[in-house]
Protein backbone atom coordinates (compact mmCIF):
# COMPACT_ATOMS: atom_id res chain seq x y z
CA UNK A 1 10.66 105.13 61.38
CA UNK A 2 13.19 107.30 63.19
CA UNK A 3 16.36 105.92 64.78
CA UNK A 4 17.99 107.29 67.93
CA UNK A 5 21.32 106.45 69.52
CA UNK A 6 22.04 106.19 73.24
CA UNK A 7 25.52 105.89 74.76
CA UNK A 8 25.26 104.00 78.02
CA UNK A 9 26.65 101.62 80.62
CA UNK A 10 23.50 100.11 82.18
CA UNK A 11 25.44 99.00 85.23
CA UNK A 12 22.87 97.56 85.84
CA UNK A 13 19.76 98.49 83.84
CA UNK A 14 17.10 100.03 86.11
CA UNK A 15 13.76 101.85 85.98
CA UNK A 16 15.44 105.18 85.32
CA UNK A 17 17.07 103.77 82.17
CA UNK A 18 13.74 102.35 81.00
CA UNK A 19 12.19 105.76 81.64
CA UNK A 20 14.84 107.46 79.49
CA UNK A 21 14.07 105.13 76.57
CA UNK A 22 10.31 105.60 77.03
CA UNK A 23 10.58 109.41 77.15
CA UNK A 24 12.81 109.40 74.08
CA UNK A 25 10.18 107.44 72.17
CA UNK A 26 7.43 109.74 73.47
CA UNK A 27 9.32 112.67 71.97
CA UNK A 28 10.16 111.04 68.63
CA UNK A 29 7.37 108.52 68.08
CA UNK A 30 6.44 105.12 69.45
CA UNK A 31 7.95 103.32 66.46
CA UNK A 32 11.39 104.91 67.00
CA UNK A 33 14.23 102.39 66.86
CA UNK A 34 16.82 102.58 69.65
CA UNK A 35 20.50 101.77 69.12
CA UNK A 36 22.70 101.64 72.23
CA UNK A 37 26.47 101.87 72.35
CA UNK A 38 27.27 100.28 75.71
CA UNK A 39 30.47 99.82 77.68
CA UNK A 40 31.64 96.23 78.02
CA UNK A 41 32.90 94.38 81.07
CA UNK A 42 34.62 97.48 82.46
CA UNK A 43 33.02 100.86 83.01
CA UNK A 44 34.09 104.47 82.69
CA UNK A 45 34.58 105.03 86.42
CA UNK A 46 37.47 102.52 86.25
CA UNK A 47 35.68 99.51 87.71
CA UNK A 48 34.33 96.07 86.87
CA UNK A 49 30.75 96.02 85.59
CA UNK A 50 28.39 94.35 88.07
CA UNK A 51 27.23 91.87 85.37
CA UNK A 52 28.94 90.87 82.14
CA UNK A 53 28.32 92.82 78.95
CA UNK A 54 26.16 90.24 77.19
CA UNK A 55 23.86 89.95 80.22
CA UNK A 56 23.59 93.75 80.40
CA UNK A 57 23.01 93.96 76.63
CA UNK A 58 20.18 91.43 77.03
CA UNK A 59 18.75 93.63 79.81
CA UNK A 60 18.88 96.60 77.44
CA UNK A 61 16.93 94.78 74.72
CA UNK A 62 14.34 93.59 77.23
CA UNK A 63 14.21 97.14 78.58
CA UNK A 64 13.34 98.76 75.27
CA UNK A 65 16.46 98.92 73.07
CA UNK A 66 16.59 97.25 69.64
CA UNK A 67 20.32 96.95 68.94
CA UNK A 68 23.25 97.03 71.38
CA UNK A 69 26.81 97.69 70.19
CA UNK A 70 29.93 97.49 72.32
CA UNK A 71 32.05 100.47 73.32
CA UNK A 72 35.47 98.77 73.48
CA UNK A 73 37.39 98.74 76.75
CA UNK A 74 40.18 100.97 75.42
CA UNK A 75 37.67 103.82 75.01
CA UNK A 76 35.46 103.02 77.99
CA UNK A 77 38.44 103.62 80.32
CA UNK A 78 38.96 107.20 79.15
CA UNK A 79 37.84 110.53 80.55
CA UNK A 80 34.31 111.76 79.82
CA UNK A 81 35.63 113.46 76.69
CA UNK A 82 37.23 110.30 75.28
CA UNK A 83 34.30 108.09 76.30
CA UNK A 84 31.80 110.43 74.63
CA UNK A 85 33.94 110.91 71.53
CA UNK A 86 34.27 107.18 70.85
CA UNK A 87 30.58 106.52 71.45
CA UNK A 88 29.51 109.31 69.09
CA UNK A 89 32.02 108.13 66.47
CA UNK A 90 30.60 104.58 66.49
CA UNK A 91 27.00 105.78 66.26
CA UNK A 92 27.88 108.23 63.49
CA UNK A 93 29.75 105.61 61.45
CA UNK A 94 26.90 103.13 61.88
CA UNK A 95 24.98 105.47 59.60
CA UNK A 96 21.54 104.90 61.09
CA UNK A 97 20.90 107.41 63.85
CA UNK A 98 19.19 110.74 63.26
CA UNK A 99 19.27 111.61 66.95
CA UNK A 100 21.47 111.12 70.01
CA UNK A 101 19.51 111.02 73.26
CA UNK A 102 21.07 111.38 76.70
CA UNK A 103 19.94 112.08 80.25
CA UNK A 104 20.98 115.29 81.98
CA UNK A 105 20.24 117.20 85.12
CA UNK A 106 19.46 120.26 83.00
CA UNK A 107 17.02 118.71 80.58
CA UNK A 108 17.66 121.66 78.24
CA UNK A 109 19.64 120.87 75.08
CA UNK A 110 19.91 124.55 74.14
CA UNK A 111 21.75 125.42 77.38
CA UNK A 112 24.09 122.46 76.92
CA UNK A 113 24.76 123.55 73.32
CA UNK A 114 25.74 127.01 74.55
CA UNK A 115 27.99 125.49 77.20
CA UNK A 116 29.69 123.26 74.61
CA UNK A 117 30.34 126.22 72.30
CA UNK A 118 31.74 128.29 75.18
CA UNK A 119 34.07 125.68 76.62
CA UNK A 120 35.78 124.97 73.28
CA UNK A 121 36.43 128.67 72.63
CA UNK A 122 39.98 130.02 72.65
CA UNK A 123 39.24 132.12 75.74
CA UNK A 124 38.04 129.06 77.63
CA UNK A 125 41.11 127.07 76.61
CA UNK A 126 43.44 129.83 77.84
CA UNK A 127 41.63 130.12 81.16
CA UNK A 128 41.58 126.35 81.62
CA UNK A 129 45.34 126.13 81.07
CA UNK A 130 45.91 128.98 83.52
CA UNK A 131 43.99 127.19 86.26
CA UNK A 132 45.71 123.88 85.50
CA UNK A 133 48.98 125.73 86.05
CA UNK A 134 47.80 126.49 89.56
CA UNK A 135 47.64 122.79 90.39
CA UNK A 136 43.88 122.14 90.29
CA UNK A 137 42.19 119.21 88.57
CA UNK A 138 41.02 119.47 84.96
CA UNK A 139 37.36 119.47 86.04
CA UNK A 140 37.98 122.34 88.45
CA UNK A 141 39.97 124.28 85.84
CA UNK A 142 37.17 123.86 83.31
CA UNK A 143 34.60 124.95 85.89
CA UNK A 144 36.62 128.09 86.68
CA UNK A 145 36.84 128.92 82.98
CA UNK A 146 33.09 128.42 82.57
CA UNK A 147 32.38 130.57 85.64
CA UNK A 148 34.38 133.42 84.14
CA UNK A 149 32.74 133.23 80.73
CA UNK A 150 29.18 132.11 81.46
CA UNK A 151 28.34 133.58 84.84
CA UNK A 152 25.41 131.89 86.59
CA UNK A 153 24.79 129.61 83.58
CA UNK A 154 28.06 127.80 84.31
CA UNK A 155 26.16 125.80 86.95
CA UNK A 156 25.58 123.19 84.23
CA UNK A 157 29.21 122.11 84.61
CA UNK A 158 28.61 121.17 88.24
CA UNK A 159 26.47 118.13 87.38
CA UNK A 160 28.10 114.99 85.92
CA UNK A 161 25.44 114.08 83.38
CA UNK A 162 25.33 117.65 82.10
CA UNK A 163 29.09 117.47 81.59
CA UNK A 164 28.77 114.19 79.70
CA UNK A 165 26.01 115.70 77.57
CA UNK A 166 28.25 118.65 76.75
CA UNK A 167 30.94 116.18 75.67
CA UNK A 168 28.44 114.40 73.39
CA UNK A 169 27.57 117.72 71.74
CA UNK A 170 31.28 118.56 71.35
CA UNK A 171 31.87 115.17 69.70
CA UNK A 172 28.95 115.64 67.30
CA UNK A 173 30.51 118.94 66.22
CA UNK A 174 33.98 117.40 66.06
CA UNK A 175 32.90 114.67 63.63
CA UNK A 176 30.49 116.93 61.75
CA UNK A 177 27.82 114.34 62.48
CA UNK A 178 24.27 114.76 61.22
CA UNK A 179 22.87 113.44 64.52
CA UNK A 180 20.72 115.88 66.49
CA UNK A 181 21.36 115.87 70.25
CA UNK A 182 18.32 115.67 72.51
CA UNK A 183 18.19 115.36 76.27
CA UNK A 184 15.78 113.96 78.83
CA UNK A 185 15.78 115.41 82.31
CA UNK A 186 17.00 112.89 84.87
CA UNK A 187 14.55 112.01 87.62
CA UNK A 188 15.03 110.00 90.78
CA UNK A 189 18.45 109.96 92.44
CA UNK A 190 21.49 111.96 91.48
CA UNK A 191 24.52 110.36 89.89
CA UNK A 192 26.07 107.76 92.25
CA UNK A 193 23.62 108.68 95.01
CA UNK A 194 21.75 106.44 97.43
CA UNK A 195 18.29 107.54 96.36
CA UNK A 196 15.83 106.96 93.53
CA UNK A 197 16.99 104.83 90.61
CA UNK A 198 20.70 105.11 91.38
CA UNK A 199 22.80 102.41 89.70
CA UNK A 200 25.35 102.93 92.47
CA UNK A 201 22.73 102.02 95.08
CA UNK A 202 21.79 98.92 93.12
CA UNK A 203 25.40 97.79 92.80
CA UNK A 204 26.12 98.18 96.48
CA UNK A 205 22.99 96.26 97.39
CA UNK A 206 23.78 93.43 94.98
CA UNK A 207 27.39 93.11 96.16
CA UNK A 208 26.14 92.85 99.75
CA UNK A 209 23.75 90.03 98.86
CA UNK A 210 20.54 92.07 98.68
CA UNK A 211 18.25 91.91 95.68
CA UNK A 212 16.55 95.30 95.17
CA UNK A 213 14.77 94.11 92.04
CA UNK A 214 11.86 96.49 92.68
CA UNK A 215 14.12 99.18 91.17
CA UNK A 216 14.45 97.24 87.90
CA UNK A 217 11.92 96.37 85.17
CA UNK A 218 10.69 92.80 85.63
CA UNK A 219 12.45 91.23 82.62
CA UNK A 220 15.81 92.85 83.43
CA UNK A 221 15.50 91.83 87.08
CA UNK A 222 15.00 88.27 85.84
CA UNK A 223 18.28 88.46 83.87
CA UNK A 224 20.07 89.72 87.00
CA UNK A 225 18.67 86.84 89.03
CA UNK A 226 19.71 84.37 86.33
CA UNK A 227 23.29 85.67 86.43
CA UNK A 228 23.40 85.46 90.23
CA UNK A 229 21.96 81.92 90.33
CA UNK A 230 24.39 80.83 87.60
CA UNK A 231 27.34 82.14 89.61
CA UNK A 232 28.28 84.86 87.09
CA UNK A 233 27.55 87.82 89.34
CA UNK A 234 27.63 90.14 91.02
CA UNK A 235 31.22 90.98 90.02
CA UNK A 236 33.37 93.51 91.84
CA UNK A 237 37.00 94.56 91.87
CA UNK A 238 37.46 92.96 95.30
CA UNK A 239 36.94 89.51 93.82
CA UNK A 240 39.86 89.96 91.42
CA UNK A 241 42.10 92.07 93.63
CA UNK A 242 44.93 89.53 93.89
CA UNK A 243 45.10 89.19 90.12
CA UNK A 244 45.19 92.95 89.67
CA UNK A 245 47.93 93.39 92.27
CA UNK A 246 50.06 90.71 90.65
CA UNK A 247 49.83 92.47 87.30
CA UNK A 248 50.66 95.87 88.76
CA UNK A 249 53.73 94.51 90.56
CA UNK A 250 55.12 93.30 87.23
CA UNK A 251 54.96 96.74 85.61
CA UNK A 252 58.25 98.61 85.39
CA UNK A 253 57.18 101.57 83.24
CA UNK A 254 53.88 103.46 83.56
CA UNK A 255 54.73 106.15 81.01
CA UNK A 256 52.69 104.68 78.15
CA UNK A 257 49.41 104.26 80.01
CA UNK A 258 46.38 106.47 79.17
CA UNK A 259 45.91 109.31 81.66
CA UNK A 260 49.48 109.27 83.00
CA UNK A 261 51.03 112.74 83.20
CA UNK A 262 52.42 115.38 85.51
CA UNK A 263 54.27 113.15 87.94
CA UNK A 264 51.64 110.41 88.18
CA UNK A 265 54.03 107.91 86.65
CA UNK A 266 56.40 108.08 89.62
CA UNK A 267 53.53 107.91 92.13
CA UNK A 268 52.14 104.77 90.54
CA UNK A 269 55.59 103.25 90.32
CA UNK A 270 56.20 103.96 94.00
CA UNK A 271 52.96 102.63 95.45
CA UNK A 272 51.49 100.07 93.02
CA UNK A 273 54.31 97.58 93.58
CA UNK A 274 54.18 97.67 97.38
CA UNK A 275 50.67 98.28 98.73
CA UNK A 276 48.50 95.34 99.73
CA UNK A 277 45.18 96.47 98.24
CA UNK A 278 43.83 98.44 95.31
CA UNK A 279 42.23 100.92 97.69
CA UNK A 280 45.49 101.55 99.55
CA UNK A 281 47.31 102.14 96.24
CA UNK A 282 44.73 104.69 95.12
CA UNK A 283 44.62 106.36 98.53
CA UNK A 284 48.39 106.80 98.58
CA UNK A 285 48.48 108.19 95.04
CA UNK A 286 45.49 110.52 95.49
CA UNK A 287 46.09 114.26 95.70
CA UNK A 288 43.83 117.28 95.29
CA UNK A 289 44.77 117.52 91.63
CA UNK A 290 43.86 113.97 90.64
CA UNK A 291 40.22 112.80 91.00
CA UNK A 292 39.82 109.22 92.15
CA UNK A 293 37.96 108.26 88.96
CA UNK A 294 40.99 109.21 86.86
CA UNK A 295 43.31 107.18 89.09
CA UNK A 296 41.01 104.14 88.92
CA UNK A 297 41.00 104.32 85.12
CA UNK A 298 44.81 104.53 85.00
CA UNK A 299 45.14 101.61 87.38
CA UNK A 300 42.71 99.49 85.36
CA UNK A 301 44.41 100.34 82.06
CA UNK A 302 47.73 99.34 83.61
CA UNK A 303 46.32 96.03 84.83
CA UNK A 304 44.78 95.31 81.42
CA UNK A 305 47.90 96.23 79.43
CA UNK A 306 46.24 99.12 77.61
CA UNK A 307 48.63 101.67 76.11
CA UNK A 308 48.02 105.26 75.08
CA UNK A 309 48.24 104.36 71.40
CA UNK A 310 45.46 101.78 71.85
CA UNK A 311 42.94 104.48 72.74
CA UNK A 312 44.49 107.20 70.60
CA UNK A 313 43.02 105.85 67.36
CA UNK A 314 39.37 105.74 66.31
CA UNK A 315 37.39 102.50 66.83
CA UNK A 316 38.27 100.19 63.90
CA UNK A 317 35.10 98.08 63.94
CA UNK A 318 31.52 97.89 65.21
CA UNK A 319 30.77 94.87 67.39
CA UNK A 320 27.21 93.71 68.02
CA UNK A 321 26.29 92.46 71.51
CA UNK A 322 22.51 91.97 71.26
CA UNK A 323 19.49 92.63 69.06
CA UNK A 324 15.81 91.93 68.56
CA UNK A 325 13.89 91.62 65.29
CA UNK A 326 14.00 95.37 64.70
CA UNK A 327 17.70 95.29 65.51
CA UNK A 328 18.23 92.66 62.81
CA UNK A 329 16.65 94.98 60.25
CA UNK A 330 18.79 97.87 61.47
CA UNK A 331 21.89 95.71 61.13
CA UNK A 332 21.06 94.81 57.54
CA UNK A 333 20.59 98.50 56.74
CA UNK A 334 23.82 99.45 58.54
CA UNK A 335 25.86 96.96 56.52
CA UNK A 336 24.83 98.86 53.38
CA UNK A 337 25.80 102.26 54.82
CA UNK A 338 28.78 101.97 57.14
CA UNK A 339 32.41 101.91 56.06
CA UNK A 340 33.42 100.26 59.33
CA UNK A 341 33.37 96.45 59.48
CA UNK A 342 30.55 95.04 61.64
CA UNK A 343 31.50 92.06 63.80
CA UNK A 344 28.97 89.42 64.73
CA UNK A 345 31.36 86.48 64.56
CA UNK A 346 34.53 86.98 66.66
CA UNK A 347 36.76 85.05 64.24
CA UNK A 348 35.98 87.63 61.54
CA UNK A 349 38.37 90.03 63.24
CA UNK A 350 41.30 88.10 61.72
CA UNK A 351 40.30 89.50 58.30
CA UNK A 352 40.69 93.08 59.57
CA UNK A 353 43.63 95.42 60.08
CA UNK A 354 46.32 94.92 62.72
CA UNK A 355 44.84 97.61 65.00
CA UNK A 356 41.47 95.81 64.98
CA UNK A 357 43.13 92.52 65.90
CA UNK A 358 45.10 94.27 68.66
CA UNK A 359 41.89 95.80 70.03
CA UNK A 360 40.06 92.47 70.04
CA UNK A 361 43.01 90.76 71.72
CA UNK A 362 42.92 93.43 74.46
CA UNK A 363 39.16 92.92 74.81
CA UNK A 364 39.65 89.17 75.11
CA UNK A 365 42.35 89.59 77.75
CA UNK A 366 40.14 92.03 79.66
CA UNK A 367 37.30 89.52 79.69
CA UNK A 368 39.67 86.77 80.86
CA UNK A 369 40.51 88.94 83.88
CA UNK A 370 36.89 89.95 84.40
CA UNK A 371 35.55 86.40 84.66
CA UNK A 372 37.95 85.65 87.50
CA UNK A 373 35.51 87.71 89.55
CA UNK A 374 32.64 85.26 89.00
CA UNK A 375 31.50 83.72 92.29
CA UNK A 376 31.30 80.23 90.74
CA UNK A 377 34.73 78.77 89.92
CA UNK A 378 33.41 76.66 87.06
CA UNK A 379 32.34 79.84 85.26
CA UNK A 380 35.82 81.38 85.32
CA UNK A 381 37.13 79.72 82.16
CA UNK A 382 39.02 81.81 79.63
CA UNK A 383 38.65 82.50 75.94
CA UNK A 384 35.00 83.59 76.13
CA UNK A 385 35.41 86.46 73.68
CA UNK A 386 36.16 84.03 70.86
CA UNK A 387 33.07 81.91 71.57
CA UNK A 388 30.35 84.45 72.29
CA UNK A 389 27.90 85.41 69.55
CA UNK A 390 25.39 88.25 69.88
CA UNK A 391 22.31 87.71 72.02
CA UNK A 392 19.22 87.52 69.78
CA UNK A 393 15.77 88.05 71.28
CA UNK A 394 12.70 87.41 69.15
CA UNK A 395 11.85 85.13 66.28
């Protein structure tokens, strides 16, 4: 039996995600085990997940995965490079996965390999720094460097899932991992579009009270409905805006927050304490050089009390969110192979190093803020991280 890793958010899980898992198994064999490293209650675009992480992990298992592991919030709220690096590190240290599968617009792993090798070259680094010096964003600077070195092939950097795939390949090289990258061509809608299997389309519909469950596999749609009926979703930043604003107004120093640089500290300090909404803060801070996704991540890190040093170290543990019977077997095998502690019982974190305890405390605090966005007041109680065991589906 082969084992493949997938780094994901499933925000929420839809037919396109199920298709990715199915196509991965078609390529590797029907008995292939699937391990997902999934973002928790906050996602990489700097936002609240539409449903909580355990509900989304349950969706993943019902949608074809066997074992779901958490990508901690301190790494989720990083750039594509940091997000990919942490996900690859966790999968590599788990010691199970022979392959890493990801969706891309290209669908050609060889082209993405070439792009990864080019963009880490010394020439590319020099060109990227030169363009950054002209006041453009990092993404634009990297694109300009790729254009100069790759010609027409640099088009791969113009699509977000290609870029993320390139970062996965870079991380595999960085950690000298034995995992083999493989990619499945994305079908349906483009990233954050209003067509096809777009998660963005699903989120907007759910927040507005619609239920587009025809875009989700039946079992995962049932989990979504259960969360809605129970008053635990959908969750959005608007529902917690007052809490976020109150935290931002108490911050005196933004210098230690991930992503802060090049004058952003003063812009956050100027606007975050005075504006009346999250959107108005971000709009005032926004310039051509800073993409909105980066600003959202900085704002969320600030609100959650995440410091640069919290995301500057490698993940100190592996936390299980959900599994089925195959996942249980994988977990037993992983315990024999990995050097990282595997958490299934939250209290076990107290036996670990100080950085692991600090990370879990940040995760717990993040969840305590997240649940304030639940529509049902009775569901907004705190301390959930210390009570929640992994979801187990099967015998």
